Amino acid sequence: MEELHTGYELSTTGLVCRDLRGELLVLKTIIHNNVSSPFATEAYACLEGTKLRISLGVQSIKLMGDSKTIIKKCQTILTDKSVIGAIIRDIQNKKSCFQEIIFQHIHRAVNSQAHRLAKDVLDSGETSYLMGEELNRHSFASERRWPRNPD
């Protein structure tokens, strides 16, 4: 997941959903209006990633993002009292929908596909949800395997 924040008016999220083998399942982009900060946009990206996995019926997930702050807030069970606390609580409330949920920080360079999606939606102004045949025709079709991170 990746977010781009352009100020108080507009921000975007790009989600790249893969299965356990690294195969590309879904690409989704979202435009957010009136989001107050980059942290809020990152938190919304994490929430949208969680909701996407729920809609796909996935029981075990790993959400990866490049904001250490948001990942740490999602990992904790403590109540977050910051400005983005309500978004973090929404994410934490959805944890019970999964058998296993892991929040992992990744470096921005590893998050390049999601970043490119977020930038594309910012440029085009159109959200998207691609899977199946539509996904095969997308420019990411040649990049179907996720580069494995060493654990």
C-alpha atoms as a PDB file:
ATOM      1  CA  MET A   1       0.000   0.000   0.000  1.00  0.00           C
ATOM      2  CA  GLU A   2       1.141   3.488  -0.699  1.00  0.00           C
ATOM      3  CA  GLU A   3      -0.241   6.948  -0.251  1.00  0.00           C
ATOM      4  CA  LEU A   4       0.386  10.274  -1.885  1.00  0.00           C
ATOM      5  CA  HIS A   5      -0.696  13.377  -0.015  1.00  0.00           C
ATOM      6  CA  THR A   6      -0.943  16.687  -1.827  1.00  0.00           C
ATOM      7  CA  GLY A   7      -2.257  18.898   0.949  1.00  0.00           C
ATOM      8  CA  TYR A   8      -5.565  19.110   2.776  1.00  0.00           C
ATOM      9  CA  GLU A   9      -7.730  18.681  -0.322  1.00  0.00           C
ATOM     10  CA  LEU A  10      -6.650  15.483  -2.083  1.00  0.00           C
ATOM     11  CA  SER A  11      -4.648  12.325  -1.454  1.00  0.00           C
ATOM     12  CA  THR A  12      -4.490   8.916  -3.097  1.00  0.00           C
ATOM     13  CA  THR A  13      -3.893   5.315  -2.145  1.00  0.00           C
ATOM     14  CA  GLY A  14      -2.525   2.513  -4.288  1.00  0.00           C
ATOM     15  CA  LEU A  15      -3.046  -1.075  -3.110  1.00  0.00           C
ATOM     16  CA  VAL A  16      -1.228  -4.080  -4.559  1.00  0.00           C
ATOM     17  CA  CYS A  17      -2.712  -7.353  -3.300  1.00  0.00           C
ATOM     18  CA  ARG A  18      -0.764 -10.597  -3.741  1.00  0.00           C
ATOM     19  CA  ASP A  19      -1.291 -14.167  -2.635  1.00  0.00           C
ATOM     20  CA  LEU A  20       1.164 -16.149  -0.486  1.00  0.00           C
ATOM     21  CA  ARG A  21       3.158 -17.165  -3.579  1.00  0.00           C
ATOM     22  CA  GLY A  22       3.543 -13.523  -4.620  1.00  0.00           C
ATOM     23  CA  GLU A  23       1.046 -13.736  -7.482  1.00  0.00           C
ATOM     24  CA  LEU A  24      -0.788 -10.505  -8.225  1.00  0.00           C
ATOM     25  CA  LEU A  25      -4.494 -10.715  -7.287  1.00  0.00           C
ATOM     26  CA  VAL A  26      -5.878  -7.168  -7.216  1.00  0.00           C
ATOM     27  CA  LEU A  27      -4.805  -3.614  -7.951  1.00  0.00           C
ATOM     28  CA  LYS A  28      -6.917  -0.921  -6.342  1.00  0.00           C
ATOM     29  CA  THR A  29      -6.628   2.853  -6.284  1.00  0.00           C
ATOM     30  CA  ILE A  30      -8.575   5.265  -4.123  1.00  0.00           C
ATOM     31  CA  ILE A  31      -8.897   9.052  -4.062  1.00  0.00           C
ATOM     32  CA  HIS A  32      -9.400  10.589  -0.612  1.00  0.00           C
ATOM     33  CA  ASN A  33     -10.867  14.060  -0.208  1.00  0.00           C
ATOM     34  CA  ASN A  34     -10.232  16.372   2.742  1.00  0.00           C
ATOM     35  CA  VAL A  35      -7.675  14.197   4.530  1.00  0.00           C
ATOM     36  CA  SER A  36      -5.797  16.364   6.995  1.00  0.00           C
ATOM     37  CA  SER A  37      -2.280  14.888   6.931  1.00  0.00           C
ATOM     38  CA  PRO A  38       0.063  12.383   5.290  1.00  0.00           C
ATOM     39  CA  PHE A  39      -0.245  10.212   8.418  1.00  0.00           C
ATOM     40  CA  ALA A  40      -4.019  10.136   8.035  1.00  0.00           C
ATOM     41  CA  THR A  41      -3.642   9.148   4.389  1.00  0.00           C
ATOM     42  CA  GLU A  42      -1.234   6.333   5.359  1.00  0.00           C
ATOM     43  CA  ALA A  43      -3.694   5.161   8.012  1.00  0.00           C
ATOM     44  CA  TYR A  44      -6.526   5.182   5.457  1.00  0.00           C
ATOM     45  CA  ALA A  45      -4.330   3.144   3.101  1.00  0.00           C
ATOM     46  CA  CYS A  46      -3.887   0.532   5.825  1.00  0.00           C
ATOM     47  CA  LEU A  47      -7.617   0.527   6.571  1.00  0.00           C
ATOM     48  CA  GLU A  48      -8.443   0.139   2.877  1.00  0.00           C
ATOM     49  CA  GLY A  49      -5.938  -2.715   2.616  1.00  0.00           C
ATOM     50  CA  THR A  50      -7.634  -4.450   5.530  1.00  0.00           C
ATOM     51  CA  LYS A  51     -11.103  -3.958   4.023  1.00  0.00           C
ATOM     52  CA  LEU A  52      -9.880  -5.229   0.640  1.00  0.00           C
ATOM     53  CA  ARG A  53      -8.596  -8.462   2.200  1.00  0.00           C
ATOM     54  CA  ILE A  54     -11.896  -8.916   4.058  1.00  0.00           C
ATOM     55  CA  SER A  55     -13.828  -8.517   0.794  1.00  0.00           C
ATOM     56  CA  LEU A  56     -11.601 -11.165  -0.816  1.00  0.00           C
ATOM     57  CA  GLY A  57     -12.307 -13.593   2.039  1.00  0.00           C
ATOM     58  CA  VAL A  58      -8.640 -13.960   2.942  1.00  0.00           C
ATOM     59  CA  GLN A  59      -8.020 -15.378   6.431  1.00  0.00           C
ATOM     60  CA  SER A  60      -4.293 -14.755   6.810  1.00  0.00           C
ATOM     61  CA  ILE A  61      -2.756 -11.487   5.639  1.00  0.00           C
ATOM     62  CA  LYS A  62       0.374  -9.392   5.753  1.00  0.00           C
ATOM     63  CA  LEU A  63      -0.137  -5.660   5.291  1.00  0.00           C
ATOM     64  CA  MET A  64       3.049  -3.892   4.295  1.00  0.00           C
ATOM     65  CA  GLY A  65       3.535  -0.145   4.309  1.00  0.00           C
ATOM     66  CA  ASP A  66       6.374   2.337   4.306  1.00  0.00           C
ATOM     67  CA  SER A  67       5.233   4.423   7.288  1.00  0.00           C
ATOM     68  CA  LYS A  68       6.857   3.045  10.449  1.00  0.00           C
ATOM     69  CA  THR A  69       4.575   5.165  12.607  1.00  0.00           C
ATOM     70  CA  ILE A  70       1.364   3.761  11.109  1.00  0.00           C
ATOM     71  CA  ILE A  71       2.638   0.171  11.124  1.00  0.00           C
ATOM     72  CA  LYS A  72       3.585   0.471  14.818  1.00  0.00           C
ATOM     73  CA  LYS A  73       0.182   1.954  15.669  1.00  0.00           C
ATOM     74  CA  CYS A  74      -1.558  -0.925  13.859  1.00  0.00           C
ATOM     75  CA  GLN A  75       0.566  -3.531  15.664  1.00  0.00           C
ATOM     76  CA  THR A  76      -0.317  -2.334  19.147  1.00  0.00           C
ATOM     77  CA  ILE A  77      -3.440  -3.163  21.109  1.00  0.00           C
ATOM     78  CA  LEU A  78      -3.288   0.114  23.013  1.00  0.00           C
ATOM     79  CA  THR A  79      -5.852   2.812  22.299  1.00  0.00           C
ATOM     80  CA  ASP A  80      -4.404   5.454  20.018  1.00  0.00           C
ATOM     81  CA  LYS A  81      -5.324   8.948  21.182  1.00  0.00           C
ATOM     82  CA  SER A  82      -3.740  10.834  18.298  1.00  0.00           C
ATOM     83  CA  VAL A  83      -5.569  12.648  15.507  1.00  0.00           C
ATOM     84  CA  ILE A  84      -5.679   9.385  13.513  1.00  0.00           C
ATOM     85  CA  GLY A  85      -6.868   7.338  16.503  1.00  0.00           C
ATOM     86  CA  ALA A  86     -10.319   6.662  15.026  1.00  0.00           C
ATOM     87  CA  ILE A  87      -8.800   5.224  11.834  1.00  0.00           C
ATOM     88  CA  ILE A  88      -6.400   3.048  13.845  1.00  0.00           C
ATOM     89  CA  ARG A  89      -9.328   1.791  15.980  1.00  0.00           C
ATOM     90  CA  ASP A  90     -11.203   0.862  12.786  1.00  0.00           C
ATOM     91  CA  ILE A  91      -8.177  -1.169  11.668  1.00  0.00           C
ATOM     92  CA  GLN A  92      -7.832  -2.830  15.075  1.00  0.00           C
ATOM     93  CA  ASN A  93     -11.556  -3.681  15.140  1.00  0.00           C
ATOM     94  CA  LYS A  94     -11.163  -5.512  11.827  1.00  0.00           C
ATOM     95  CA  LYS A  95      -8.353  -7.743  13.151  1.00  0.00           C
ATOM     96  CA  SER A  96     -10.940 -10.238  14.405  1.00  0.00           C
ATOM     97  CA  CYS A  97     -11.948 -10.938  10.784  1.00  0.00           C
ATOM     98  CA  PHE A  98      -8.633 -12.760  10.241  1.00  0.00           C
ATOM     99  CA  GLN A  99      -6.981 -15.857  11.628  1.00  0.00           C
ATOM    100  CA  GLU A 100      -3.650 -14.070  11.266  1.00  0.00           C
ATOM    101  CA  ILE A 101      -2.804 -10.465  10.493  1.00  0.00           C
ATOM    102  CA  ILE A 102       0.725  -9.099  10.312  1.00  0.00           C
ATOM    103  CA  PHE A 103       1.637  -5.445   9.862  1.00  0.00           C
ATOM    104  CA  GLN A 104       5.113  -5.055   8.389  1.00  0.00           C
ATOM    105  CA  HIS A 105       7.182  -1.982   7.625  1.00  0.00           C
ATOM    106  CA  ILE A 106       8.916  -1.999   4.243  1.00  0.00           C
ATOM    107  CA  HIS A 107      11.215   0.564   2.704  1.00  0.00           C
ATOM    108  CA  ARG A 108       9.724   2.986   0.196  1.00  0.00           C
ATOM    109  CA  ALA A 109      11.902   1.542  -2.589  1.00  0.00           C
ATOM    110  CA  VAL A 110      10.276  -1.877  -2.112  1.00  0.00           C
ATOM    111  CA  ASN A 111       6.861  -0.214  -2.252  1.00  0.00           C
ATOM    112  CA  SER A 112       7.389   1.144  -5.778  1.00  0.00           C
ATOM    113  CA  GLN A 113       4.410  -0.569  -7.436  1.00  0.00           C
ATOM    114  CA  ALA A 114       1.921   0.799  -4.932  1.00  0.00           C
ATOM    115  CA  HIS A 115       3.584   4.214  -5.125  1.00  0.00           C
ATOM    116  CA  ARG A 116       3.273   4.198  -8.929  1.00  0.00           C
ATOM    117  CA  LEU A 117      -0.426   3.255  -8.654  1.00  0.00           C
ATOM    118  CA  ALA A 118      -1.063   6.117  -6.224  1.00  0.00           C
ATOM    119  CA  LYS A 119       0.738   8.546  -8.535  1.00  0.00           C
ATOM    120  CA  ASP A 120      -1.187   7.277 -11.588  1.00  0.00           C
ATOM    121  CA  VAL A 121      -4.557   7.862  -9.890  1.00  0.00           C
ATOM    122  CA  LEU A 122      -3.426  11.331  -8.822  1.00  0.00           C
ATOM    123  CA  ASP A 123      -2.533  12.115 -12.449  1.00  0.00           C
ATOM    124  CA  SER A 124      -5.670  10.570 -13.982  1.00  0.00           C
ATOM    125  CA  GLY A 125      -8.183  11.474 -11.279  1.00  0.00           C
ATOM    126  CA  GLU A 126      -9.856   8.058 -11.702  1.00  0.00           C
ATOM    127  CA  THR A 127     -10.016   5.280  -9.154  1.00  0.00           C
ATOM    128  CA  SER A 128      -9.699   1.661 -10.228  1.00  0.00           C
ATOM    129  CA  TYR A 129     -10.243  -1.899  -9.045  1.00  0.00           C
ATOM    130  CA  LEU A 130      -8.644  -4.492 -11.268  1.00  0.00           C
ATOM    131  CA  MET A 131      -8.674  -8.267 -10.976  1.00  0.00           C
ATOM    132  CA  GLY A 132      -8.931 -11.220 -13.342  1.00  0.00           C
ATOM    133  CA  GLU A 133      -8.800 -10.400 -17.054  1.00  0.00           C
ATOM    134  CA  GLU A 134      -8.742  -6.628 -16.456  1.00  0.00           C
ATOM    135  CA  LEU A 135      -5.680  -7.120 -14.268  1.00  0.00           C
ATOM    136  CA  ASN A 136      -3.941  -9.151 -16.990  1.00  0.00           C
ATOM    137  CA  ARG A 137      -4.235  -6.206 -19.383  1.00  0.00           C
ATOM    138  CA  HIS A 138      -2.759  -3.710 -16.906  1.00  0.00           C
ATOM    139  CA  SER A 139       0.849  -2.518 -17.149  1.00  0.00           C
ATOM    140  CA  PHE A 140       1.713  -4.477 -13.987  1.00  0.00           C
ATOM    141  CA  ALA A 141       0.984  -7.774 -15.787  1.00  0.00           C
ATOM    142  CA  SER A 142       4.671  -8.199 -16.577  1.00  0.00           C
ATOM    143  CA  GLU A 143       5.517  -7.651 -12.884  1.00  0.00           C
ATOM    144  CA  ARG A 144       3.287 -10.387 -11.460  1.00  0.00           C
ATOM    145  CA  ARG A 145       5.773 -11.814  -8.944  1.00  0.00           C
ATOM    146  CA  TRP A 146       6.473 -10.006  -5.682  1.00  0.00           C
ATOM    147  CA  PRO A 147      10.176  -9.687  -4.947  1.00  0.00           C
ATOM    148  CA  ARG A 148      10.695 -11.705  -1.769  1.00  0.00           C
ATOM    149  CA  ASN A 149      12.053  -9.794   1.216  1.00  0.00           C
ATOM    150  CA  PRO A 150      14.605 -11.647   3.324  1.00  0.00           C
ATOM    151  CA  ASP A 151      13.082 -12.336   6.763  1.00  0.00           C
END
